[in-house]
Amino acid sequence: MEDIIIKTYDLCKTSLSIIIFMRQQEACYEIE
């Protein structure tokens, strides 16, 4: 599960995809 969160975080930082960011908002904020 940690790998998924890290990958999600990378997606949020690199592609800044609104859809991914909104759907995984908690994961992104959690690591920040």
PDB file of N, CA and C in Angstrom:
ATOM      1  N   MET A   1       0.841  -1.200   0.000  1.00  0.00           N
ATOM      2  CA  MET A   1       0.000   0.000   0.000  1.00  0.00           C
ATOM      3  C   MET A   1       0.884   1.261   0.000  1.00  0.00           C
ATOM      4  N   GLU A   2       2.001   1.204   0.648  1.00  0.00           N
ATOM      5  CA  GLU A   2       2.894   2.361   0.679  1.00  0.00           C
ATOM      6  C   GLU A   2       3.334   2.729  -0.735  1.00  0.00           C
ATOM      7  N   ASP A   3       3.668   1.720  -1.547  1.00  0.00           N
ATOM      8  CA  ASP A   3       4.099   1.967  -2.922  1.00  0.00           C
ATOM      9  C   ASP A   3       3.025   2.708  -3.707  1.00  0.00           C
ATOM     10  N   ILE A   4       1.773   2.304  -3.505  1.00  0.00           N
ATOM     11  CA  ILE A   4       0.671   2.948  -4.225  1.00  0.00           C
ATOM     12  C   ILE A   4       0.577   4.415  -3.833  1.00  0.00           C
ATOM     13  N   ILE A   5       0.709   4.699  -2.547  1.00  0.00           N
ATOM     14  CA  ILE A   5       0.612   6.092  -2.084  1.00  0.00           C
ATOM     15  C   ILE A   5       1.767   6.908  -2.649  1.00  0.00           C
ATOM     16  N   ILE A   6       2.964   6.328  -2.651  1.00  0.00           N
ATOM     17  CA  ILE A   6       4.131   7.052  -3.177  1.00  0.00           C
ATOM     18  C   ILE A   6       3.946   7.319  -4.666  1.00  0.00           C
ATOM     19  N   LYS A   7       3.462   6.319  -5.399  1.00  0.00           N
ATOM     20  CA  LYS A   7       3.236   6.508  -6.838  1.00  0.00           C
ATOM     21  C   LYS A   7       2.170   7.573  -7.071  1.00  0.00           C
ATOM     22  N   THR A   8       1.131   7.544  -6.257  1.00  0.00           N
ATOM     23  CA  THR A   8       0.070   8.542  -6.376  1.00  0.00           C
ATOM     24  C   THR A   8       0.633   9.927  -6.119  1.00  0.00           C
ATOM     25  N   TYR A   9       1.490  10.020  -5.111  1.00  0.00           N
ATOM     26  CA  TYR A   9       2.109  11.300  -4.770  1.00  0.00           C
ATOM     27  C   TYR A   9       2.959  11.800  -5.935  1.00  0.00           C
ATOM     28  N   ASP A  10       3.713  10.885  -6.559  1.00  0.00           N
ATOM     29  CA  ASP A  10       4.532  11.253  -7.717  1.00  0.00           C
ATOM     30  C   ASP A  10       3.642  11.782  -8.838  1.00  0.00           C
ATOM     31  N   LEU A  11       2.509  11.128  -9.065  1.00  0.00           N
ATOM     32  CA  LEU A  11       1.596  11.568 -10.114  1.00  0.00           C
ATOM     33  C   LEU A  11       1.080  12.971  -9.811  1.00  0.00           C
ATOM     34  N   CYS A  12       0.770  13.217  -8.559  1.00  0.00           N
ATOM     35  CA  CYS A  12       0.255  14.528  -8.166  1.00  0.00           C
ATOM     36  C   CYS A  12       1.314  15.602  -8.413  1.00  0.00           C
ATOM     37  N   LYS A  13       2.563  15.283  -8.134  1.00  0.00           N
ATOM     38  CA  LYS A  13       3.620  16.281  -8.275  1.00  0.00           C
ATOM     39  C   LYS A  13       4.043  16.460  -9.725  1.00  0.00           C
ATOM     40  N   THR A  14       4.094  15.354 -10.503  1.00  0.00           N
ATOM     41  CA  THR A  14       4.618  15.453 -11.856  1.00  0.00           C
ATOM     42  C   THR A  14       3.549  15.865 -12.868  1.00  0.00           C
ATOM     43  N   SER A  15       2.459  15.094 -12.942  1.00  0.00           N
ATOM     44  CA  SER A  15       1.441  15.387 -13.952  1.00  0.00           C
ATOM     45  C   SER A  15       0.413  16.388 -13.457  1.00  0.00           C
ATOM     46  N   LEU A  16       0.303  16.528 -12.122  1.00  0.00           N
ATOM     47  CA  LEU A  16      -0.684  17.450 -11.541  1.00  0.00           C
ATOM     48  C   LEU A  16      -2.056  17.243 -12.160  1.00  0.00           C
ATOM     49  N   SER A  17      -2.397  15.971 -12.360  1.00  0.00           N
ATOM     50  CA  SER A  17      -3.691  15.653 -12.948  1.00  0.00           C
ATOM     51  C   SER A  17      -4.800  16.004 -11.964  1.00  0.00           C
ATOM     52  N   ILE A  18      -5.712  16.865 -12.400  1.00  0.00           N
ATOM     53  CA  ILE A  18      -6.805  17.301 -11.527  1.00  0.00           C
ATOM     54  C   ILE A  18      -7.616  16.098 -11.045  1.00  0.00           C
ATOM     55  N   ILE A  19      -7.910  15.176 -11.958  1.00  0.00           N
ATOM     56  CA  ILE A  19      -8.734  14.021 -11.601  1.00  0.00           C
ATOM     57  C   ILE A  19      -8.025  13.179 -10.552  1.00  0.00           C
ATOM     58  N   ILE A  20      -6.758  12.855 -10.795  1.00  0.00           N
ATOM     59  CA  ILE A  20      -6.011  12.033  -9.841  1.00  0.00           C
ATOM     60  C   ILE A  20      -5.875  12.777  -8.527  1.00  0.00           C
ATOM     61  N   PHE A  21      -5.560  14.071  -8.610  1.00  0.00           N
ATOM     62  CA  PHE A  21      -5.377  14.859  -7.390  1.00  0.00           C
ATOM     63  C   PHE A  21      -6.648  14.874  -6.565  1.00  0.00           C
ATOM     64  N   MET A  22      -7.784  15.085  -7.218  1.00  0.00           N
ATOM     65  CA  MET A  22      -9.049  15.159  -6.491  1.00  0.00           C
ATOM     66  C   MET A  22      -9.443  13.804  -5.910  1.00  0.00           C
ATOM     67  N   ARG A  23      -9.176  12.743  -6.674  1.00  0.00           N
ATOM     68  CA  ARG A  23      -9.566  11.410  -6.215  1.00  0.00           C
ATOM     69  C   ARG A  23      -8.628  10.924  -5.116  1.00  0.00           C
ATOM     70  N   GLN A  24      -7.355  11.323  -5.185  1.00  0.00           N
ATOM     71  CA  GLN A  24      -6.381  10.860  -4.200  1.00  0.00           C
ATOM     72  C   GLN A  24      -5.903  12.022  -3.343  1.00  0.00           C
ATOM     73  N   GLN A  25      -6.758  13.012  -3.171  1.00  0.00           N
ATOM     74  CA  GLN A  25      -6.405  14.218  -2.448  1.00  0.00           C
ATOM     75  C   GLN A  25      -5.819  13.907  -1.072  1.00  0.00           C
ATOM     76  N   GLU A  26      -6.481  12.994  -0.352  1.00  0.00           N
ATOM     77  CA  GLU A  26      -6.037  12.652   0.999  1.00  0.00           C
ATOM     78  C   GLU A  26      -4.631  12.075   0.986  1.00  0.00           C
ATOM     79  N   ALA A  27      -4.346  11.195   0.019  1.00  0.00           N
ATOM     80  CA  ALA A  27      -3.027  10.564  -0.057  1.00  0.00           C
ATOM     81  C   ALA A  27      -1.962  11.616  -0.337  1.00  0.00           C
ATOM     82  N   CYS A  28      -2.284  12.558  -1.221  1.00  0.00           N
ATOM     83  CA  CYS A  28      -1.322  13.595  -1.570  1.00  0.00           C
ATOM     84  C   CYS A  28      -1.023  14.470  -0.353  1.00  0.00           C
ATOM     85  N   TYR A  29      -2.053  14.895   0.320  1.00  0.00           N
ATOM     86  CA  TYR A  29      -1.868  15.757   1.486  1.00  0.00           C
ATOM     87  C   TYR A  29      -1.208  15.002   2.631  1.00  0.00           C
ATOM     88  N   GLU A  30      -1.529  13.704   2.730  1.00  0.00           N
ATOM     89  CA  GLU A  30      -1.017  12.899   3.827  1.00  0.00           C
ATOM     90  C   GLU A  30       0.508  12.859   3.802  1.00  0.00           C
ATOM     91  N   ILE A  31       1.089  12.716   2.604  1.00  0.00           N
ATOM     92  CA  ILE A  31       2.550  12.627   2.500  1.00  0.00           C
ATOM     93  C   ILE A  31       3.179  14.011   2.646  1.00  0.00           C
ATOM     94  N   GLU A  32       2.516  15.044   2.175  1.00  0.00           N
ATOM     95  CA  GLU A  32       3.032  16.403   2.322  1.00  0.00           C
ATOM     96  C   GLU A  32       2.966  16.778   3.792  1.00  0.00           C
TER      97      GLU A  32
END
